[in-house]
Amino acid sequence: KDMMHSGLSFTELCAMNGKTPSTKLLAAGI
């Protein structure tokens, strides 16, 4: 994980490491 990479998304991080991303939503709202 390049800590200096500007605005790197988790999806992009996975792609850089040859991994497949997935997500579980824990909270969303105002």
All heavy atoms as atom14 arrays in JSON, in Angstrom:
{
  "sequence": "KDMMHSGLSFTELCAMNGKTPSTKLLAAGI",
  "atom14_mask": [
    [1, 1, 1, 1, 1, 1, 1, 1, 1, 0, 0, 0, 0, 0],
    [1, 1, 1, 1, 1, 1, 1, 1, 0, 0, 0, 0, 0, 0],
    [1, 1, 1, 1, 1, 1, 1, 1, 0, 0, 0, 0, 0, 0],
    [1, 1, 1, 1, 1, 1, 1, 1, 0, 0, 0, 0, 0, 0],
    [1, 1, 1, 1, 1, 1, 1, 1, 1, 1, 0, 0, 0, 0],
    [1, 1, 1, 1, 1, 1, 0, 0, 0, 0, 0, 0, 0, 0],
    [1, 1, 1, 1, 0, 0, 0, 0, 0, 0, 0, 0, 0, 0],
    [1, 1, 1, 1, 1, 1, 1, 1, 0, 0, 0, 0, 0, 0],
    [1, 1, 1, 1, 1, 1, 0, 0, 0, 0, 0, 0, 0, 0],
    [1, 1, 1, 1, 1, 1, 1, 1, 1, 1, 1, 0, 0, 0],
    [1, 1, 1, 1, 1, 1, 1, 0, 0, 0, 0, 0, 0, 0],
    [1, 1, 1, 1, 1, 1, 1, 1, 1, 0, 0, 0, 0, 0],
    [1, 1, 1, 1, 1, 1, 1, 1, 0, 0, 0, 0, 0, 0],
    [1, 1, 1, 1, 1, 1, 0, 0, 0, 0, 0, 0, 0, 0],
    [1, 1, 1, 1, 1, 0, 0, 0, 0, 0, 0, 0, 0, 0],
    [1, 1, 1, 1, 1, 1, 1, 1, 0, 0, 0, 0, 0, 0],
    [1, 1, 1, 1, 1, 1, 1, 1, 0, 0, 0, 0, 0, 0],
    [1, 1, 1, 1, 0, 0, 0, 0, 0, 0, 0, 0, 0, 0],
    [1, 1, 1, 1, 1, 1, 1, 1, 1, 0, 0, 0, 0, 0],
    [1, 1, 1, 1, 1, 1, 1, 0, 0, 0, 0, 0, 0, 0],
    [1, 1, 1, 1, 1, 1, 1, 0, 0, 0, 0, 0, 0, 0],
    [1, 1, 1, 1, 1, 1, 0, 0, 0, 0, 0, 0, 0, 0],
    [1, 1, 1, 1, 1, 1, 1, 0, 0, 0, 0, 0, 0, 0],
    [1, 1, 1, 1, 1, 1, 1, 1, 1, 0, 0, 0, 0, 0],
    [1, 1, 1, 1, 1, 1, 1, 1, 0, 0, 0, 0, 0, 0],
    [1, 1, 1, 1, 1, 1, 1, 1, 0, 0, 0, 0, 0, 0],
    [1, 1, 1, 1, 1, 0, 0, 0, 0, 0, 0, 0, 0, 0],
    [1, 1, 1, 1, 1, 0, 0, 0, 0, 0, 0, 0, 0, 0],
    [1, 1, 1, 1, 0, 0, 0, 0, 0, 0, 0, 0, 0, 0],
    [1, 1, 1, 1, 1, 1, 1, 1, 0, 0, 0, 0, 0, 0]
  ],
  "atom14_positions": [
    [[0.86, -1.18, 0.0], [0.0, 0.0, 0.0], [0.9, 1.23, 0.0], [1.69, 1.44, 0.92], [-0.91, 0.02, 1.24], [-1.84, 1.23, 1.31], [-2.8, 1.11, 2.49], [-3.6, 2.37, 2.7], [-4.48, 2.71, 1.58], [0.0, 0.0, 0.0], [0.0, 0.0, 0.0], [0.0, 0.0, 0.0], [0.0, 0.0, 0.0], [0.0, 0.0, 0.0]],
    [[0.79, 2.02, -1.06], [1.59, 3.23, -1.21], [0.88, 4.37, -0.48], [-0.14, 4.88, -0.94], [1.76, 3.57, -2.69], [2.75, 4.69, -2.93], [3.05, 5.43, -1.96], [3.23, 4.84, -4.07], [0.0, 0.0, 0.0], [0.0, 0.0, 0.0], [0.0, 0.0, 0.0], [0.0, 0.0, 0.0], [0.0, 0.0, 0.0], [0.0, 0.0, 0.0]],
    [[1.42, 4.77, 0.68], [0.78, 5.78, 1.51], [0.83, 7.18, 0.89], [0.11, 8.07, 1.32], [1.44, 5.82, 2.9], [1.44, 4.48, 3.62], [-0.23, 3.83, 3.91], [-0.83, 4.98, 5.12], [0.0, 0.0, 0.0], [0.0, 0.0, 0.0], [0.0, 0.0, 0.0], [0.0, 0.0, 0.0], [0.0, 0.0, 0.0], [0.0, 0.0, 0.0]],
    [[1.69, 7.35, -0.11], [1.81, 8.67, -0.73], [1.04, 8.77, -2.04], [1.05, 9.8, -2.69], [3.3, 8.98, -0.98], [4.14, 9.03, 0.28], [3.54, 10.23, 1.49], [3.89, 11.75, 0.6], [0.0, 0.0, 0.0], [0.0, 0.0, 0.0], [0.0, 0.0, 0.0], [0.0, 0.0, 0.0], [0.0, 0.0, 0.0], [0.0, 0.0, 0.0]],
    [[0.36, 7.68, -2.44], [-0.4, 7.7, -3.68], [-1.65, 8.54, -3.47], [-2.48, 8.25, -2.61], [-0.77, 6.28, -4.09], [-1.26, 6.18, -5.5], [-2.46, 6.73, -5.91], [-0.71, 5.6, -6.6], [-2.62, 6.48, -7.2], [-1.58, 5.8, -7.64], [0.0, 0.0, 0.0], [0.0, 0.0, 0.0], [0.0, 0.0, 0.0], [0.0, 0.0, 0.0]],
    [[-1.82, 9.58, -4.23], [-2.9, 10.53, -4.03], [-4.26, 9.93, -4.39], [-4.5, 9.52, -5.52], [-2.66, 11.79, -4.87], [-3.65, 12.76, -4.62], [0.0, 0.0, 0.0], [0.0, 0.0, 0.0], [0.0, 0.0, 0.0], [0.0, 0.0, 0.0], [0.0, 0.0, 0.0], [0.0, 0.0, 0.0], [0.0, 0.0, 0.0], [0.0, 0.0, 0.0]],
    [[-5.14, 9.88, -3.39], [-6.52, 9.46, -3.65], [-6.67, 8.05, -4.16], [-7.47, 7.79, -5.06], [0.0, 0.0, 0.0], [0.0, 0.0, 0.0], [0.0, 0.0, 0.0], [0.0, 0.0, 0.0], [0.0, 0.0, 0.0], [0.0, 0.0, 0.0], [0.0, 0.0, 0.0], [0.0, 0.0, 0.0], [0.0, 0.0, 0.0], [0.0, 0.0, 0.0]],
    [[-5.9, 7.11, -3.62], [-5.98, 5.71, -4.06], [-7.19, 5.05, -3.43], [-7.34, 5.03, -2.21], [-4.71, 4.96, -3.66], [-4.61, 3.49, -4.06], [-4.48, 3.37, -5.57], [-3.44, 2.82, -3.36], [0.0, 0.0, 0.0], [0.0, 0.0, 0.0], [0.0, 0.0, 0.0], [0.0, 0.0, 0.0], [0.0, 0.0, 0.0], [0.0, 0.0, 0.0]],
    [[-8.06, 4.5, -4.26], [-9.25, 3.82, -3.73], [-8.91, 2.39, -3.34], [-7.9, 1.84, -3.77], [-10.36, 3.81, -4.78], [-10.08, 2.88, -5.81], [0.0, 0.0, 0.0], [0.0, 0.0, 0.0], [0.0, 0.0, 0.0], [0.0, 0.0, 0.0], [0.0, 0.0, 0.0], [0.0, 0.0, 0.0], [0.0, 0.0, 0.0], [0.0, 0.0, 0.0]],
    [[-9.76, 1.79, -2.52], [-9.55, 0.4, -2.13], [-9.63, -0.52, -3.35], [-8.86, -1.47, -3.46], [-10.59, -0.02, -1.09], [-10.4, -1.43, -0.58], [-9.45, -1.71, 0.37], [-11.17, -2.47, -1.09], [-9.25, -3.0, 0.84], [-10.98, -3.77, -0.64], [-10.02, -4.03, 0.34], [0.0, 0.0, 0.0], [0.0, 0.0, 0.0], [0.0, 0.0, 0.0]],
    [[-10.53, -0.23, -4.27], [-10.65, -1.01, -5.49], [-9.35, -0.98, -6.29], [-8.88, -2.0, -6.8], [-11.81, -0.49, -6.35], [-13.03, -0.57, -5.59], [-11.96, -1.29, -7.63], [0.0, 0.0, 0.0], [0.0, 0.0, 0.0], [0.0, 0.0, 0.0], [0.0, 0.0, 0.0], [0.0, 0.0, 0.0], [0.0, 0.0, 0.0], [0.0, 0.0, 0.0]],
    [[-8.74, 0.21, -6.39], [-7.47, 0.34, -7.09], [-6.34, -0.37, -6.35], [-5.46, -0.98, -6.97], [-7.14, 1.83, -7.28], [-8.09, 2.54, -8.22], [-7.99, 4.05, -8.15], [-7.65, 4.58, -7.07], [-8.28, 4.71, -9.16], [0.0, 0.0, 0.0], [0.0, 0.0, 0.0], [0.0, 0.0, 0.0], [0.0, 0.0, 0.0], [0.0, 0.0, 0.0]],
    [[-6.37, -0.3, -5.02], [-5.36, -1.0, -4.22], [-5.42, -2.5, -4.48], [-4.38, -3.15, -4.63], [-5.59, -0.71, -2.73], [-4.69, -1.46, -1.75], [-3.23, -1.05, -1.92], [-5.14, -1.19, -0.31], [0.0, 0.0, 0.0], [0.0, 0.0, 0.0], [0.0, 0.0, 0.0], [0.0, 0.0, 0.0], [0.0, 0.0, 0.0], [0.0, 0.0, 0.0]],
    [[-6.63, -3.05, -4.53], [-6.79, -4.47, -4.81], [-6.23, -4.82, -6.19], [-5.53, -5.83, -6.36], [-8.26, -4.87, -4.73], [-8.91, -4.96, -3.04], [0.0, 0.0, 0.0], [0.0, 0.0, 0.0], [0.0, 0.0, 0.0], [0.0, 0.0, 0.0], [0.0, 0.0, 0.0], [0.0, 0.0, 0.0], [0.0, 0.0, 0.0], [0.0, 0.0, 0.0]],
    [[-6.54, -4.0, -7.18], [-6.07, -4.25, -8.54], [-4.54, -4.24, -8.6], [-3.93, -5.08, -9.28], [-6.64, -3.2, -9.49], [0.0, 0.0, 0.0], [0.0, 0.0, 0.0], [0.0, 0.0, 0.0], [0.0, 0.0, 0.0], [0.0, 0.0, 0.0], [0.0, 0.0, 0.0], [0.0, 0.0, 0.0], [0.0, 0.0, 0.0], [0.0, 0.0, 0.0]],
    [[-3.91, -3.34, -7.86], [-2.45, -3.25, -7.84], [-1.82, -4.49, -7.22], [-0.68, -4.83, -7.51], [-2.02, -1.99, -7.07], [-2.32, -0.69, -7.78], [-2.05, 0.77, -6.72], [-0.31, 0.63, -6.4], [0.0, 0.0, 0.0], [0.0, 0.0, 0.0], [0.0, 0.0, 0.0], [0.0, 0.0, 0.0], [0.0, 0.0, 0.0], [0.0, 0.0, 0.0]],
    [[-2.57, -5.17, -6.33], [-2.06, -6.35, -5.66], [-2.62, -7.64, -6.23], [-2.43, -8.72, -5.66], [-2.36, -6.28, -4.16], [-1.47, -5.3, -3.42], [-0.32, -5.61, -3.11], [-1.98, -4.1, -3.17], [0.0, 0.0, 0.0], [0.0, 0.0, 0.0], [0.0, 0.0, 0.0], [0.0, 0.0, 0.0], [0.0, 0.0, 0.0], [0.0, 0.0, 0.0]],
    [[-3.32, -7.55, -7.37], [-3.87, -8.73, -8.01], [-4.96, -9.4, -7.21], [-5.14, -10.62, -7.27], [0.0, 0.0, 0.0], [0.0, 0.0, 0.0], [0.0, 0.0, 0.0], [0.0, 0.0, 0.0], [0.0, 0.0, 0.0], [0.0, 0.0, 0.0], [0.0, 0.0, 0.0], [0.0, 0.0, 0.0], [0.0, 0.0, 0.0], [0.0, 0.0, 0.0]],
    [[-5.74, -8.62, -6.45], [-6.79, -9.14, -5.6], [-8.17, -8.66, -6.09], [-8.28, -7.65, -6.78], [-6.6, -8.69, -4.15], [-5.25, -9.08, -3.55], [-5.13, -10.57, -3.36], [-3.82, -10.94, -2.69], [-3.69, -12.4, -2.48], [0.0, 0.0, 0.0], [0.0, 0.0, 0.0], [0.0, 0.0, 0.0], [0.0, 0.0, 0.0], [0.0, 0.0, 0.0]],
    [[-9.2, -9.4, -5.68], [-10.57, -9.03, -6.03], [-11.24, -8.37, -4.82], [-11.3, -8.97, -3.75], [-11.38, -10.26, -6.44], [-10.76, -10.87, -7.58], [-12.82, -9.88, -6.79], [0.0, 0.0, 0.0], [0.0, 0.0, 0.0], [0.0, 0.0, 0.0], [0.0, 0.0, 0.0], [0.0, 0.0, 0.0], [0.0, 0.0, 0.0], [0.0, 0.0, 0.0]],
    [[-11.76, -7.13, -4.98], [-12.39, -6.46, -3.84], [-13.85, -6.84, -3.67], [-14.53, -7.21, -4.63], [-12.27, -4.98, -4.24], [-12.38, -5.01, -5.74], [-11.68, -6.28, -6.17], [0.0, 0.0, 0.0], [0.0, 0.0, 0.0], [0.0, 0.0, 0.0], [0.0, 0.0, 0.0], [0.0, 0.0, 0.0], [0.0, 0.0, 0.0], [0.0, 0.0, 0.0]],
    [[-14.32, -6.78, -2.45], [-15.74, -6.88, -2.16], [-16.01, -6.08, -0.9], [-15.08, -5.69, -0.18], [-16.2, -8.34, -2.01], [-15.44, -9.01, -1.04], [0.0, 0.0, 0.0], [0.0, 0.0, 0.0], [0.0, 0.0, 0.0], [0.0, 0.0, 0.0], [0.0, 0.0, 0.0], [0.0, 0.0, 0.0], [0.0, 0.0, 0.0], [0.0, 0.0, 0.0]],
    [[-17.29, -5.83, -0.63], [-17.65, -4.88, 0.42], [-18.89, -5.31, 1.18], [-19.82, -5.87, 0.59], [-17.92, -3.49, -0.21], [-16.75, -3.04, -0.89], [-18.31, -2.47, 0.84], [0.0, 0.0, 0.0], [0.0, 0.0, 0.0], [0.0, 0.0, 0.0], [0.0, 0.0, 0.0], [0.0, 0.0, 0.0], [0.0, 0.0, 0.0], [0.0, 0.0, 0.0]],
    [[-18.89, -5.05, 2.48], [-20.09, -5.19, 3.3], [-20.41, -3.82, 3.9], [-19.58, -3.21, 4.56], [-19.89, -6.21, 4.42], [-21.1, -6.37, 5.33], [-20.85, -7.4, 6.43], [-22.07, -7.55, 7.32], [-21.82, -8.53, 8.41], [0.0, 0.0, 0.0], [0.0, 0.0, 0.0], [0.0, 0.0, 0.0], [0.0, 0.0, 0.0], [0.0, 0.0, 0.0]],
    [[-21.61, -3.33, 3.65], [-22.02, -2.02, 4.17], [-22.38, -2.14, 5.65], [-23.23, -2.94, 6.02], [-23.21, -1.49, 3.37], [-23.68, -0.07, 3.69], [-22.59, 0.95, 3.4], [-24.95, 0.26, 2.89], [0.0, 0.0, 0.0], [0.0, 0.0, 0.0], [0.0, 0.0, 0.0], [0.0, 0.0, 0.0], [0.0, 0.0, 0.0], [0.0, 0.0, 0.0]],
    [[-21.72, -1.34, 6.49], [-21.97, -1.37, 7.93], [-22.87, -0.24, 8.38], [-23.63, -0.41, 9.34], [-20.64, -1.3, 8.69], [-19.62, -2.42, 8.39], [-18.33, -2.17, 9.17], [-20.19, -3.78, 8.74], [0.0, 0.0, 0.0], [0.0, 0.0, 0.0], [0.0, 0.0, 0.0], [0.0, 0.0, 0.0], [0.0, 0.0, 0.0], [0.0, 0.0, 0.0]],
    [[-22.79, 0.91, 7.7], [-23.65, 2.05, 8.07], [-23.66, 3.03, 6.91], [-22.65, 3.23, 6.24], [-23.14, 2.74, 9.33], [0.0, 0.0, 0.0], [0.0, 0.0, 0.0], [0.0, 0.0, 0.0], [0.0, 0.0, 0.0], [0.0, 0.0, 0.0], [0.0, 0.0, 0.0], [0.0, 0.0, 0.0], [0.0, 0.0, 0.0], [0.0, 0.0, 0.0]],
    [[-24.82, 3.66, 6.68], [-24.93, 4.69, 5.64], [-26.12, 5.57, 5.98], [-27.23, 5.07, 6.18], [-25.11, 4.06, 4.26], [0.0, 0.0, 0.0], [0.0, 0.0, 0.0], [0.0, 0.0, 0.0], [0.0, 0.0, 0.0], [0.0, 0.0, 0.0], [0.0, 0.0, 0.0], [0.0, 0.0, 0.0], [0.0, 0.0, 0.0], [0.0, 0.0, 0.0]],
    [[-25.9, 6.89, 6.05], [-27.01, 7.77, 6.36], [-26.53, 9.17, 6.71], [-25.34, 9.5, 6.58], [0.0, 0.0, 0.0], [0.0, 0.0, 0.0], [0.0, 0.0, 0.0], [0.0, 0.0, 0.0], [0.0, 0.0, 0.0], [0.0, 0.0, 0.0], [0.0, 0.0, 0.0], [0.0, 0.0, 0.0], [0.0, 0.0, 0.0], [0.0, 0.0, 0.0]],
    [[-27.45, 9.99, 7.14], [-27.17, 11.35, 7.58], [-27.13, 11.35, 9.1], [-28.1, 10.95, 9.76], [-28.25, 12.34, 7.09], [-28.44, 12.24, 5.58], [-27.89, 13.76, 7.51], [-27.25, 12.66, 4.76], [0.0, 0.0, 0.0], [0.0, 0.0, 0.0], [0.0, 0.0, 0.0], [0.0, 0.0, 0.0], [0.0, 0.0, 0.0], [0.0, 0.0, 0.0]]
  ]
}
